[in-house]
């Protein structure tokens, strides 16, 4: 069967900024090289000191952005490998040399998926957006065009991740990570800019500054423009696996962290995780039987939860691949417009719905989480106020001193357009760790002085 999207283009090993395909390595494939480039990079390492949901750990070690990204990459590899095996079995005889690389491509994209997220958890994006929409940043409205203003007032971590991986600082062609087209395309959950974003959800995949880069990517991958919205492209098929890996991981691991922090009791957590199996289903009875046997010997509550978490992730991986195959024709024709997790059926669909509802009620609105978010609003707003002002008006002695704090790669030229100067500041601030943002905030406001 012929589909509108074809794997030969979608699995391009050509690198962004390279004129030709790179020869295959004997030791590592080009997609495995992508993974290595990301994991050895400074922006990736900084994720270890960025909040995922809960405050950075004290005596109880909960997830940060780095441990979350590593786990998402692990789940993504499983999803990619399983899908490749299943596609090889298909009777149509569709084959591609790079099918066995699905796991490498998806895991590399998963590894990078949060690299654009600012410090202080999920509120970091909102804090940056709020500075421009409601704070001192409103003063720059007349300096930028409508698309650029939407980028600023709806700052998006997904778009910033694409920028981190592809941006060429100061116009240099050799900038960015020079990843393969396949890995980059697998990262873009929202293949359109803020000018085409939904007014309610307001998610998008690239800033105005990276539009040309994404369109180059779309041409190479032969991604389709949507008939109902020509300013949007269809997703690369492997995006669905990257999204599923993230959805599965954060939803389940947030529950496990909440249990460790005693926000959820052992009984609540076990009921929440076992709800993904149907006690009346013959196929699920073996799970309940095995669980009872294990719980008779495993007394530790955390170990019980870890066991259920492992079983559940395995179950959801298999069911998400099954959902991909059920909707294969729609996906390969650019007509599938929801996530694989939202396509789950039966007990898993009900379990995910219950898990999400409880997370919003008990986890994401827990006082410890809200306190970090509120601190993020104050700290990021203050830093932006200082550095954006200095970037746009660098003449004063004070502004020059502030700009001297920016690493060379984040310094813009005085002749740059206002949007470019503002983005240089956002590159700097969004890349900060939580602790560095707090330390810099205190230093420049005279709350502390760091003596060497």
Protein backbone atom coordinates (compact mmCIF):
# COMPACT_ATOMS: atom_id res chain seq x y z
CA UNK A 1 0.00 0.00 0.00
CA UNK A 2 1.22 3.49 -0.88
CA UNK A 3 1.13 6.25 1.72
CA UNK A 4 1.64 10.00 1.34
CA UNK A 5 4.59 9.92 3.73
CA UNK A 6 7.46 7.57 2.97
CA UNK A 7 10.10 6.18 5.30
CA UNK A 8 12.95 6.76 2.83
CA UNK A 9 12.60 10.54 3.28
CA UNK A 10 11.48 10.39 6.89
CA UNK A 11 14.55 8.47 8.03
CA UNK A 12 17.10 10.80 6.48
CA UNK A 13 20.54 10.56 8.10
CA UNK A 14 21.57 13.89 6.53
CA UNK A 15 22.68 16.44 9.11
CA UNK A 16 21.37 19.97 9.41
CA UNK A 17 23.90 22.29 7.82
CA UNK A 18 25.59 19.48 5.87
CA UNK A 19 25.49 19.45 2.07
CA UNK A 20 25.36 15.69 1.78
CA UNK A 21 24.63 12.48 3.64
CA UNK A 22 27.34 11.47 6.10
CA UNK A 23 28.94 8.05 5.52
CA UNK A 24 27.82 5.31 7.84
CA UNK A 25 30.13 4.68 10.79
CA UNK A 26 31.31 1.18 11.55
CA UNK A 27 30.99 1.71 15.32
CA UNK A 28 27.92 3.92 15.63
CA UNK A 29 25.06 4.83 13.32
CA UNK A 30 24.43 8.51 12.64
CA UNK A 31 21.38 8.37 14.93
CA UNK A 32 23.42 6.88 17.75
CA UNK A 33 25.85 9.76 17.22
CA UNK A 34 22.92 12.15 17.72
CA UNK A 35 22.26 10.57 21.11
CA UNK A 36 25.91 10.91 22.10
CA UNK A 37 26.11 14.56 20.98
CA UNK A 38 23.15 15.41 23.17
CA UNK A 39 24.14 13.48 26.28
CA UNK A 40 27.66 14.97 26.35
CA UNK A 41 26.44 18.55 25.90
CA UNK A 42 26.36 21.31 28.51
CA UNK A 43 22.65 22.15 27.99
CA UNK A 44 21.80 18.52 28.72
CA UNK A 45 23.97 18.38 31.84
CA UNK A 46 22.29 21.50 33.20
CA UNK A 47 19.00 19.61 33.33
CA UNK A 48 20.26 17.91 36.50
CA UNK A 49 19.61 21.16 38.37
CA UNK A 50 16.25 22.06 36.86
CA UNK A 51 12.98 21.28 38.61
CA UNK A 52 10.73 18.67 37.02
CA UNK A 53 7.69 18.98 39.32
CA UNK A 54 8.74 18.80 42.96
CA UNK A 55 11.41 21.00 44.60
CA UNK A 56 14.96 19.82 44.04
CA UNK A 57 15.73 16.99 46.44
CA UNK A 58 16.73 17.04 50.06
CA UNK A 59 16.81 13.69 51.78
CA UNK A 60 14.29 12.18 49.33
CA UNK A 61 15.51 12.04 45.75
CA UNK A 62 12.71 12.89 43.34
CA UNK A 63 13.01 13.48 39.60
CA UNK A 64 14.70 16.47 38.06
CA UNK A 65 14.69 17.33 34.35
CA UNK A 66 17.75 15.19 33.68
CA UNK A 67 16.56 11.97 35.34
CA UNK A 68 13.17 12.47 33.70
CA UNK A 69 14.78 12.88 30.26
CA UNK A 70 16.90 9.74 30.71
CA UNK A 71 13.82 7.71 31.64
CA UNK A 72 11.84 9.11 28.71
CA UNK A 73 14.70 8.13 26.40
CA UNK A 74 14.65 4.60 27.83
CA UNK A 75 10.91 4.24 27.27
CA UNK A 76 11.25 5.84 23.82
CA UNK A 77 13.88 3.30 22.82
CA UNK A 78 11.54 0.47 23.79
CA UNK A 79 8.69 2.01 21.81
CA UNK A 80 10.89 2.49 18.73
CA UNK A 81 12.40 -0.99 18.85
CA UNK A 82 9.02 -2.65 19.31
CA UNK A 83 7.44 -0.69 16.47
CA UNK A 84 10.31 -1.62 14.15
CA UNK A 85 9.84 -5.32 14.93
CA UNK A 86 6.10 -5.08 14.27
CA UNK A 87 6.51 -3.19 11.00
CA UNK A 88 8.95 -5.80 9.74
CA UNK A 89 6.16 -8.37 10.17
CA UNK A 90 3.62 -6.47 8.07
CA UNK A 91 2.36 -8.37 5.02
CA UNK A 92 2.67 -5.38 2.66
CA UNK A 93 6.37 -6.09 2.46
CA UNK A 94 7.27 -2.50 3.42
CA UNK A 95 10.93 -2.47 4.42
CA UNK A 96 13.62 0.09 5.11
CA UNK A 97 17.25 -0.32 6.09
CA UNK A 98 16.79 2.16 8.94
CA UNK A 99 13.81 0.44 10.62
CA UNK A 100 16.17 -1.09 13.20
CA UNK A 101 17.27 2.48 14.03
CA UNK A 102 13.82 3.53 15.25
CA UNK A 103 14.91 3.03 18.85
CA UNK A 104 18.03 5.16 18.40
CA UNK A 105 16.15 8.00 16.67
CA UNK A 106 13.32 8.10 19.19
CA UNK A 107 15.60 7.85 22.23
CA UNK A 108 17.79 10.71 20.95
CA UNK A 109 14.75 12.94 20.39
CA UNK A 110 13.43 11.96 23.84
CA UNK A 111 16.74 12.83 25.43
CA UNK A 112 16.50 16.36 23.97
CA UNK A 113 12.78 17.00 24.43
CA UNK A 114 13.13 19.14 27.60
CA UNK A 115 16.36 20.96 26.75
CA UNK A 116 14.45 24.16 26.01
CA UNK A 117 12.58 24.28 29.30
CA UNK A 118 13.53 27.17 31.60
CA UNK A 119 14.22 26.74 35.34
CA UNK A 120 11.54 26.34 38.03
CA UNK A 121 9.40 23.63 36.54
CA UNK A 122 6.31 24.03 34.45
CA UNK A 123 5.78 27.62 35.53
CA UNK A 124 9.07 28.79 33.99
CA UNK A 125 7.47 29.20 30.55
CA UNK A 126 4.52 31.06 32.06
CA UNK A 127 6.83 33.34 34.04
CA UNK A 128 8.66 34.38 30.86
CA UNK A 129 5.39 34.84 28.97
CA UNK A 130 3.90 36.88 31.79
CA UNK A 131 6.88 39.26 31.85
CA UNK A 132 6.02 40.33 28.31
CA UNK A 133 2.22 40.09 28.44
CA UNK A 134 1.63 41.68 31.86
CA UNK A 135 4.97 42.94 33.17
CA UNK A 136 7.70 45.39 32.23
CA UNK A 137 8.22 43.58 28.94
CA UNK A 138 5.06 45.16 27.54
CA UNK A 139 7.28 48.12 26.61
CA UNK A 140 8.85 46.15 23.72
CA UNK A 141 5.53 45.58 21.90
CA UNK A 142 6.20 48.30 19.34
CA UNK A 143 9.71 47.00 18.62
CA UNK A 144 8.69 43.57 17.25
CA UNK A 145 6.25 42.24 14.66
CA UNK A 146 3.07 40.29 15.46
CA UNK A 147 4.64 36.83 15.09
CA UNK A 148 7.60 37.78 17.29
CA UNK A 149 5.26 39.24 19.91
CA UNK A 150 3.31 35.98 20.05
CA UNK A 151 6.59 34.11 20.57
CA UNK A 152 7.41 36.35 23.53
CA UNK A 153 3.99 36.43 25.18
CA UNK A 154 3.53 32.67 24.77
CA UNK A 155 7.05 31.40 25.37
CA UNK A 156 7.14 27.71 24.51
CA UNK A 157 9.69 25.18 25.79
CA UNK A 158 9.17 22.91 22.79
CA UNK A 159 10.09 25.70 20.38
CA UNK A 160 13.04 26.63 22.57
CA UNK A 161 14.35 23.04 22.47
CA UNK A 162 14.31 23.21 18.67
CA UNK A 163 16.18 26.52 18.90
CA UNK A 164 18.79 25.14 21.31
CA UNK A 165 19.50 22.26 18.93
CA UNK A 166 19.54 24.23 15.67
CA UNK A 167 20.40 27.86 16.46
CA UNK A 168 23.57 29.23 14.90
CA UNK A 169 24.89 31.83 17.30
CA UNK A 170 25.77 35.18 15.75
CA UNK A 171 24.80 33.84 12.33
CA UNK A 172 27.57 31.23 12.16
CA UNK A 173 26.65 28.33 9.88
CA UNK A 174 28.46 25.84 12.09
CA UNK A 175 26.30 26.51 15.16
CA UNK A 176 23.79 24.14 16.69
CA UNK A 177 24.19 20.42 17.27
CA UNK A 178 24.12 19.44 13.57
CA UNK A 179 21.74 16.57 14.31
CA UNK A 180 20.20 14.38 11.62
CA UNK A 181 16.99 15.49 9.99
CA UNK A 182 15.22 12.37 11.28
CA UNK A 183 16.08 13.07 14.93
CA UNK A 184 15.18 16.77 14.71
CA UNK A 185 11.85 16.09 12.98
CA UNK A 186 11.00 13.45 15.60
CA UNK A 187 11.33 16.14 18.27
CA UNK A 188 8.79 18.61 16.84
CA UNK A 189 5.43 17.80 18.44
CA UNK A 190 3.83 20.94 17.01
CA UNK A 191 5.06 21.43 13.42
CA UNK A 192 4.03 25.08 13.09
CA UNK A 193 4.89 28.48 14.53
CA UNK A 194 3.10 30.59 17.12
CA UNK A 195 1.23 32.39 14.35
CA UNK A 196 -0.62 29.13 13.64
CA UNK A 197 -1.05 27.99 17.26
CA UNK A 198 -4.41 27.19 18.77
CA UNK A 199 -5.70 30.21 20.70
CA UNK A 200 -6.59 28.11 23.77
CA UNK A 201 -3.73 25.65 24.07
CA UNK A 202 -1.11 27.86 22.39
CA UNK A 203 1.47 25.16 21.79
CA UNK A 204 3.86 25.47 18.85
CA UNK A 205 7.12 23.98 17.66
CA UNK A 206 9.42 26.77 16.53
CA UNK A 207 9.99 30.50 16.95
CA UNK A 208 9.87 33.01 14.09
CA UNK A 209 13.68 32.96 14.10
CA UNK A 210 13.76 29.21 13.29
CA UNK A 211 10.99 29.16 10.68
CA UNK A 212 13.39 28.76 7.75
CA UNK A 213 15.26 25.99 9.57
CA UNK A 214 12.08 24.04 10.19
CA UNK A 215 10.87 24.50 6.62
CA UNK A 216 14.21 23.17 5.38
CA UNK A 217 13.64 20.17 7.64
CA UNK A 218 10.08 19.70 6.35
CA UNK A 219 11.23 19.77 2.72
CA UNK A 220 13.92 17.17 3.36
CA UNK A 221 11.48 14.91 5.19
CA UNK A 222 8.69 15.57 2.65
CA UNK A 223 6.26 16.42 5.43
CA UNK A 224 2.78 17.36 4.23
CA UNK A 225 1.02 20.66 4.71
CA UNK A 226 -2.40 20.09 6.28
CA UNK A 227 -5.31 20.72 3.91
CA UNK A 228 -7.42 22.25 6.70
CA UNK A 229 -4.54 24.48 7.91
CA UNK A 230 -1.87 25.05 5.22
CA UNK A 231 0.32 26.98 7.67
CA UNK A 232 0.74 23.72 9.60
CA UNK A 233 2.62 20.58 8.64
CA UNK A 234 1.77 17.02 9.59
CA UNK A 235 3.89 15.36 12.23
CA UNK A 236 6.80 13.08 11.54
CA UNK A 237 5.45 9.60 12.47
CA UNK A 238 8.10 9.02 15.15
CA UNK A 239 6.92 12.14 16.99
CA UNK A 240 4.01 10.05 18.26
CA UNK A 241 6.45 7.69 19.96
CA UNK A 242 8.46 10.54 21.53
CA UNK A 243 5.23 12.08 22.82
CA UNK A 244 4.00 8.73 24.16
CA UNK A 245 7.30 8.11 25.97
CA UNK A 246 7.01 11.50 27.68
CA UNK A 247 3.31 11.05 28.52
CA UNK A 248 3.85 7.59 29.99
CA UNK A 249 6.94 8.54 31.96
CA UNK A 250 5.93 11.81 33.57
CA UNK A 251 2.45 10.59 34.45
CA UNK A 252 3.60 7.42 36.15
CA UNK A 253 6.81 8.76 37.69
CA UNK A 254 5.07 11.83 39.14
CA UNK A 255 2.78 9.44 41.00
CA UNK A 256 5.76 7.44 42.29
CA UNK A 257 7.47 10.65 43.46
CA UNK A 258 4.27 11.77 45.19
CA UNK A 259 4.22 8.47 47.04
CA UNK A 260 7.83 8.85 48.16
CA UNK A 261 7.03 12.33 49.45
CA UNK A 262 3.95 10.95 51.28
CA UNK A 263 1.59 13.15 49.28
CA UNK A 264 -0.15 9.91 48.27
CA UNK A 265 -0.50 6.95 50.62
CA UNK A 266 0.68 3.47 49.69
CA UNK A 267 -2.89 2.25 49.32
CA UNK A 268 -3.89 5.19 47.11
CA UNK A 269 -0.86 4.73 44.89
CA UNK A 270 -1.34 0.99 44.48
CA UNK A 271 -5.02 1.47 43.63
CA UNK A 272 -4.12 4.17 41.13
CA UNK A 273 -1.55 2.02 39.34
CA UNK A 274 -3.52 -1.24 39.34
CA UNK A 275 -6.55 0.57 37.85
CA UNK A 276 -4.88 0.18 34.44
CA UNK A 277 -5.74 -3.53 34.54
CA UNK A 278 -9.27 -4.89 34.35
CA UNK A 279 -9.92 -7.26 37.25
CA UNK A 280 -12.77 -8.83 35.29
CA UNK A 281 -10.68 -9.52 32.22
CA UNK A 282 -9.34 -13.02 31.76
CA UNK A 283 -6.19 -11.71 30.10
CA UNK A 284 -5.44 -9.46 33.11
CA UNK A 285 -6.09 -12.03 35.81
CA UNK A 286 -2.55 -13.34 35.64
CA UNK A 287 -1.29 -9.86 36.57
CA UNK A 288 -3.44 -9.72 39.70
CA UNK A 289 -2.45 -13.26 40.64
CA UNK A 290 1.27 -12.51 40.20
CA UNK A 291 0.93 -9.22 42.09
CA UNK A 292 -0.66 -10.92 45.09
CA UNK A 293 2.18 -13.44 45.21
CA UNK A 294 4.85 -10.73 45.02
CA UNK A 295 3.14 -8.54 47.62
CA UNK A 296 3.08 -11.52 50.01
CA UNK A 297 6.88 -11.47 50.02
CA UNK A 298 7.67 -7.77 49.35
CA UNK A 299 6.79 -5.74 52.44
CA UNK A 300 8.45 -2.41 51.56
CA UNK A 301 5.85 0.02 50.20
CA UNK A 302 8.28 1.76 47.85
CA UNK A 303 9.35 -1.55 46.32
CA UNK A 304 5.72 -2.50 45.74
CA UNK A 305 5.11 0.75 43.94
CA UNK A 306 8.29 0.29 41.88
CA UNK A 307 7.11 -3.15 40.81
CA UNK A 308 3.70 -1.81 39.73
CA UNK A 309 5.34 1.11 37.92
CA UNK A 310 7.61 -1.24 35.93
CA UNK A 311 4.72 -3.52 34.98
CA UNK A 312 2.58 -0.55 34.00
CA UNK A 313 5.20 1.10 31.78
CA UNK A 314 5.70 -2.21 29.96
CA UNK A 315 1.94 -2.53 29.46
CA UNK A 316 1.57 1.02 28.15
CA UNK A 317 4.53 0.65 25.78
CA UNK A 318 2.89 -2.38 24.17
CA UNK A 319 -0.50 -0.70 23.99
CA UNK A 320 0.86 2.52 22.49
CA UNK A 321 2.62 0.55 19.74
CA UNK A 322 -0.65 -1.30 19.14
CA UNK A 323 -2.42 2.07 18.86
CA UNK A 324 0.20 3.26 16.36
CA UNK A 325 -0.41 0.18 14.22
CA UNK A 326 -4.20 0.58 14.46
CA UNK A 327 -3.88 4.10 13.11
CA UNK A 328 -0.94 3.42 10.80
CA UNK A 329 -2.66 4.55 7.59
CA UNK A 330 -3.84 7.81 9.20
CA UNK A 331 -0.36 8.50 10.59
CA UNK A 332 1.40 7.80 7.29
CA UNK A 333 -1.07 10.01 5.42
CA UNK A 334 -0.71 12.92 7.85
CA UNK A 335 -4.27 12.58 9.11
CA UNK A 336 -3.84 11.48 12.73
CA UNK A 337 -4.30 14.41 15.11
CA UNK A 338 -4.21 13.05 18.66
CA UNK A 339 -1.69 11.33 20.89
CA UNK A 340 -1.19 7.59 21.24
CA UNK A 341 -1.95 7.80 24.97
CA UNK A 342 -5.28 9.44 24.15
CA UNK A 343 -5.93 6.50 21.80
CA UNK A 344 -5.63 3.87 24.53
CA UNK A 345 -8.65 1.63 25.08
CA UNK A 346 -10.39 -0.13 27.96
CA UNK A 347 -8.91 -0.15 31.45
CA UNK A 348 -5.77 1.71 30.34
CA UNK A 349 -7.79 4.63 29.00
CA UNK A 350 -9.81 4.81 32.23
CA UNK A 351 -6.66 4.42 34.36
CA UNK A 352 -4.88 7.25 32.53
CA UNK A 353 -7.89 9.54 32.91
CA UNK A 354 -8.05 8.86 36.64
CA UNK A 355 -4.30 9.32 37.02
CA UNK A 356 -4.37 12.70 35.28
CA UNK A 357 -7.29 13.97 37.34
CA UNK A 358 -5.66 13.01 40.64
CA UNK A 359 -2.31 14.49 39.55
CA UNK A 360 -3.90 17.88 38.92
CA UNK A 361 -5.80 17.77 42.20
CA UNK A 362 -3.17 16.35 44.55
CA UNK A 363 0.27 16.68 42.90
CA UNK A 364 0.54 19.71 40.64
CA UNK A 365 -1.32 21.90 43.13
CA UNK A 366 0.58 20.69 46.18
CA UNK A 367 1.94 23.62 48.28
CA UNK A 368 5.59 22.59 47.73
CA UNK A 369 5.07 22.69 43.95
CA UNK A 370 3.24 26.02 44.02
CA UNK A 371 5.96 27.59 46.19
CA UNK A 372 8.63 26.78 43.59
CA UNK A 373 6.43 28.13 40.81
CA UNK A 374 5.81 31.40 42.66
CA UNK A 375 9.52 31.81 43.32
CA UNK A 376 10.15 31.22 39.63
CA UNK A 377 7.77 34.01 38.65
CA UNK A 378 9.58 36.49 40.89
CA UNK A 379 13.15 35.42 40.02
CA UNK A 380 12.73 35.06 36.25
CA UNK A 381 10.70 38.25 35.98
CA UNK A 382 13.38 40.22 37.80
CA UNK A 383 16.23 38.76 35.73
CA UNK A 384 14.43 39.49 32.48
CA UNK A 385 13.70 43.02 33.59
CA UNK A 386 17.40 43.64 34.17
CA UNK A 387 18.86 41.91 31.13
CA UNK A 388 16.22 42.74 28.50
CA UNK A 389 16.47 46.39 29.48
CA UNK A 390 20.27 46.26 29.21
CA UNK A 391 20.18 44.47 25.84
CA UNK A 392 17.80 47.02 24.32
CA UNK A 393 19.48 50.06 25.90
CA UNK A 394 23.18 49.12 26.33
CA UNK A 395 24.54 52.67 26.49
CA UNK A 396 24.61 53.12 30.28
CA UNK A 397 27.50 51.98 32.46
CA UNK A 398 25.11 49.77 34.48
CA UNK A 399 23.77 48.07 31.32
CA UNK A 400 27.28 47.37 30.10
CA UNK A 401 28.18 45.78 33.43
CA UNK A 402 25.08 43.58 33.27
CA UNK A 403 25.78 42.50 29.70
CA UNK A 404 29.35 41.61 30.70
CA UNK A 405 27.82 38.81 32.80
CA UNK A 406 26.47 37.12 29.66
CA UNK A 407 28.69 34.40 28.19
CA UNK A 408 30.07 35.35 24.77
CA UNK A 409 27.65 33.07 22.91
CA UNK A 410 24.65 34.99 24.28
CA UNK A 411 25.89 38.49 23.48
CA UNK A 412 24.13 40.19 20.60
CA UNK A 413 25.50 43.01 18.48
CA UNK A 414 24.28 46.57 18.90
CA UNK A 415 23.08 46.52 15.29
CA UNK A 416 20.83 43.48 15.86
CA UNK A 417 17.07 43.85 15.68
CA UNK A 418 15.25 44.12 19.07
CA UNK A 419 13.77 40.62 18.71
CA UNK A 420 17.26 39.17 18.19
CA UNK A 421 18.60 40.98 21.25
CA UNK A 422 15.67 39.82 23.38
CA UNK A 423 16.13 36.25 22.21
CA UNK A 424 19.78 36.36 23.23
CA UNK A 425 18.64 37.20 26.76
CA UNK A 426 16.01 34.44 26.67
CA UNK A 427 18.66 31.96 25.52
CA UNK A 428 20.73 32.91 28.56
CA UNK A 429 17.91 32.95 31.13
CA UNK A 430 16.07 29.84 29.91
CA UNK A 431 19.32 27.87 29.97
CA UNK A 432 19.97 28.65 33.64
CA UNK A 433 19.66 26.06 36.36
CA UNK A 434 17.33 26.80 39.27
CA UNK A 435 20.21 27.45 41.65
CA UNK A 436 22.15 29.67 39.28
CA UNK A 437 19.05 31.77 38.56
CA UNK A 438 18.49 32.19 42.30
CA UNK A 439 22.15 33.04 42.95
CA UNK A 440 22.30 35.61 40.12
CA UNK A 441 19.01 37.15 41.27
CA UNK A 442 20.41 37.61 44.77
CA UNK A 443 23.76 38.95 43.55
CA UNK A 444 22.48 41.63 41.19
CA UNK A 445 19.93 42.79 43.78
CA UNK A 446 22.56 43.10 46.48
CA UNK A 447 21.13 40.30 48.65
CA UNK A 448 24.47 38.49 48.64
CA UNK A 449 27.92 38.93 47.16
CA UNK A 450 29.94 35.96 45.92
CA UNK A 451 33.56 36.36 46.98
CA UNK A 452 36.05 34.04 45.31
